Amino acid sequence: MTIPKIDKEECTGCEECVDACPAECISMKDDIAVINESECTECDACVDACPAECIKSD
């Protein structure tokens, strides 16, 4: 697994990923979601929760 990446151009700022993250490592900056990579557990909960499908995990 890898740390998910957020497409900043596609992020709508809905905060669904913030609410879904069990590690509480996603925050909002200028209405765009940001992942704190040092705290991410790579669970992909944010990927599944994102209605804009702008969070990808390769």
N, C-alpha and C. Protein backbone atom coordinates (compact mmCIF):
# COMPACT_ATOMS: atom_id res chain seq x y z
N MET A 1 0.84 -1.18 0.00
CA MET A 1 0.00 0.00 0.00
C MET A 1 0.89 1.25 0.00
N THR A 2 0.29 2.33 -0.46
CA THR A 2 1.01 3.60 -0.49
C THR A 2 0.14 4.71 0.10
N ILE A 3 0.77 5.78 0.45
CA ILE A 3 0.04 6.92 0.98
C ILE A 3 -0.79 7.53 -0.14
N PRO A 4 -2.08 7.72 0.09
CA PRO A 4 -2.94 8.30 -0.95
C PRO A 4 -2.51 9.72 -1.32
N LYS A 5 -2.78 10.09 -2.55
CA LYS A 5 -2.47 11.42 -3.06
C LYS A 5 -3.77 12.13 -3.41
N ILE A 6 -3.84 13.42 -3.09
CA ILE A 6 -5.02 14.23 -3.37
C ILE A 6 -4.75 15.10 -4.58
N ASP A 7 -5.64 15.04 -5.56
CA ASP A 7 -5.57 15.92 -6.72
C ASP A 7 -6.16 17.26 -6.30
N LYS A 8 -5.29 18.23 -6.03
CA LYS A 8 -5.73 19.52 -5.51
C LYS A 8 -6.63 20.27 -6.47
N GLU A 9 -6.51 19.99 -7.75
CA GLU A 9 -7.36 20.64 -8.76
C GLU A 9 -8.80 20.11 -8.70
N GLU A 10 -8.95 18.88 -8.26
CA GLU A 10 -10.25 18.23 -8.24
C GLU A 10 -10.94 18.29 -6.87
N CYS A 11 -10.19 18.56 -5.81
CA CYS A 11 -10.75 18.58 -4.45
C CYS A 11 -11.81 19.68 -4.33
N THR A 12 -12.98 19.29 -3.83
CA THR A 12 -14.09 20.25 -3.68
C THR A 12 -14.17 20.84 -2.29
N GLY A 13 -13.33 20.36 -1.37
CA GLY A 13 -13.33 20.88 -0.01
C GLY A 13 -14.50 20.41 0.83
N CYS A 14 -15.06 19.27 0.50
CA CYS A 14 -16.26 18.77 1.20
C CYS A 14 -15.97 18.25 2.61
N GLU A 15 -14.71 17.91 2.88
CA GLU A 15 -14.25 17.40 4.17
C GLU A 15 -14.72 15.99 4.51
N GLU A 16 -15.26 15.26 3.54
CA GLU A 16 -15.66 13.87 3.79
C GLU A 16 -14.45 13.02 4.19
N CYS A 17 -13.31 13.27 3.57
CA CYS A 17 -12.10 12.50 3.90
C CYS A 17 -11.62 12.80 5.31
N VAL A 18 -11.76 14.05 5.75
CA VAL A 18 -11.36 14.44 7.10
C VAL A 18 -12.16 13.63 8.12
N ASP A 19 -13.47 13.55 7.89
CA ASP A 19 -14.35 12.80 8.79
C ASP A 19 -14.08 11.30 8.74
N ALA A 20 -13.68 10.78 7.59
CA ALA A 20 -13.49 9.34 7.41
C ALA A 20 -12.15 8.83 7.94
N CYS A 21 -11.18 9.70 8.08
CA CYS A 21 -9.82 9.26 8.43
C CYS A 21 -9.72 8.83 9.89
N PRO A 22 -9.48 7.53 10.15
CA PRO A 22 -9.36 7.05 11.53
C PRO A 22 -8.09 7.54 12.22
N ALA A 23 -7.07 7.90 11.45
CA ALA A 23 -5.80 8.38 12.01
C ALA A 23 -5.82 9.89 12.25
N GLU A 24 -6.90 10.53 11.82
CA GLU A 24 -7.06 11.98 11.95
C GLU A 24 -5.85 12.73 11.38
N CYS A 25 -5.38 12.29 10.21
CA CYS A 25 -4.20 12.90 9.61
C CYS A 25 -4.52 13.78 8.41
N ILE A 26 -5.81 14.02 8.16
CA ILE A 26 -6.19 14.88 7.04
C ILE A 26 -6.77 16.18 7.61
N SER A 27 -6.28 17.27 7.09
CA SER A 27 -6.76 18.58 7.48
C SER A 27 -7.07 19.39 6.23
N MET A 28 -7.67 20.55 6.44
CA MET A 28 -8.00 21.43 5.33
C MET A 28 -7.07 22.64 5.34
N LYS A 29 -6.56 23.00 4.18
CA LYS A 29 -5.75 24.20 4.03
C LYS A 29 -6.24 24.91 2.77
N ASP A 30 -6.72 26.12 2.94
CA ASP A 30 -7.27 26.90 1.83
C ASP A 30 -8.36 26.12 1.10
N ASP A 31 -9.23 25.44 1.87
CA ASP A 31 -10.35 24.65 1.35
C ASP A 31 -9.94 23.46 0.51
N ILE A 32 -8.71 22.97 0.71
CA ILE A 32 -8.21 21.78 0.01
C ILE A 32 -7.72 20.79 1.07
N ALA A 33 -8.06 19.53 0.90
CA ALA A 33 -7.62 18.50 1.84
C ALA A 33 -6.11 18.26 1.71
N VAL A 34 -5.47 18.07 2.88
CA VAL A 34 -4.03 17.82 2.93
C VAL A 34 -3.80 16.63 3.86
N ILE A 35 -3.00 15.67 3.41
CA ILE A 35 -2.68 14.49 4.21
C ILE A 35 -1.33 14.68 4.89
N ASN A 36 -1.30 14.48 6.21
CA ASN A 36 -0.04 14.48 6.94
C ASN A 36 0.57 13.10 6.73
N GLU A 37 1.51 13.00 5.83
CA GLU A 37 2.06 11.71 5.42
C GLU A 37 2.75 10.96 6.55
N SER A 38 3.29 11.67 7.52
CA SER A 38 3.99 10.99 8.62
C SER A 38 3.02 10.30 9.58
N GLU A 39 1.74 10.67 9.53
CA GLU A 39 0.74 10.06 10.40
C GLU A 39 -0.19 9.10 9.66
N CYS A 40 -0.15 9.10 8.35
CA CYS A 40 -1.05 8.27 7.54
C CYS A 40 -0.76 6.79 7.74
N THR A 41 -1.82 6.00 7.94
CA THR A 41 -1.68 4.56 8.12
C THR A 41 -1.96 3.78 6.83
N GLU A 42 -2.21 4.51 5.74
CA GLU A 42 -2.44 3.91 4.42
C GLU A 42 -3.66 2.99 4.39
N CYS A 43 -4.69 3.35 5.15
CA CYS A 43 -5.89 2.50 5.23
C CYS A 43 -6.84 2.71 4.05
N ASP A 44 -6.67 3.81 3.32
CA ASP A 44 -7.50 4.15 2.16
C ASP A 44 -8.95 4.50 2.49
N ALA A 45 -9.26 4.78 3.75
CA ALA A 45 -10.62 5.21 4.11
C ALA A 45 -10.98 6.50 3.39
N CYS A 46 -10.00 7.38 3.21
CA CYS A 46 -10.23 8.65 2.52
C CYS A 46 -10.55 8.43 1.04
N VAL A 47 -9.88 7.45 0.45
CA VAL A 47 -10.12 7.14 -0.96
C VAL A 47 -11.57 6.71 -1.15
N ASP A 48 -12.04 5.84 -0.28
CA ASP A 48 -13.41 5.34 -0.36
C ASP A 48 -14.44 6.42 -0.05
N ALA A 49 -14.09 7.37 0.83
CA ALA A 49 -15.05 8.39 1.27
C ALA A 49 -15.18 9.56 0.30
N CYS A 50 -14.22 9.78 -0.55
CA CYS A 50 -14.20 10.98 -1.40
C CYS A 50 -15.25 10.92 -2.51
N PRO A 51 -16.28 11.79 -2.44
CA PRO A 51 -17.30 11.78 -3.49
C PRO A 51 -16.80 12.33 -4.83
N ALA A 52 -15.75 13.14 -4.79
CA ALA A 52 -15.18 13.71 -6.03
C ALA A 52 -14.17 12.77 -6.67
N GLU A 53 -13.85 11.68 -5.99
CA GLU A 53 -12.88 10.68 -6.47
C GLU A 53 -11.55 11.34 -6.81
N CYS A 54 -11.14 12.32 -5.99
CA CYS A 54 -9.88 13.02 -6.25
C CYS A 54 -8.73 12.49 -5.40
N ILE A 55 -9.01 11.48 -4.57
CA ILE A 55 -7.95 10.87 -3.77
C ILE A 55 -7.65 9.48 -4.34
N LYS A 56 -6.40 9.28 -4.70
CA LYS A 56 -6.00 8.03 -5.33
C LYS A 56 -4.89 7.35 -4.53
N SER A 57 -4.92 6.06 -4.50
CA SER A 57 -3.87 5.27 -3.88
C SER A 57 -3.40 4.25 -4.91
N ASP A 58 -2.12 4.31 -5.25
CA ASP A 58 -1.58 3.41 -6.28
C ASP A 58 -0.92 2.20 -5.67
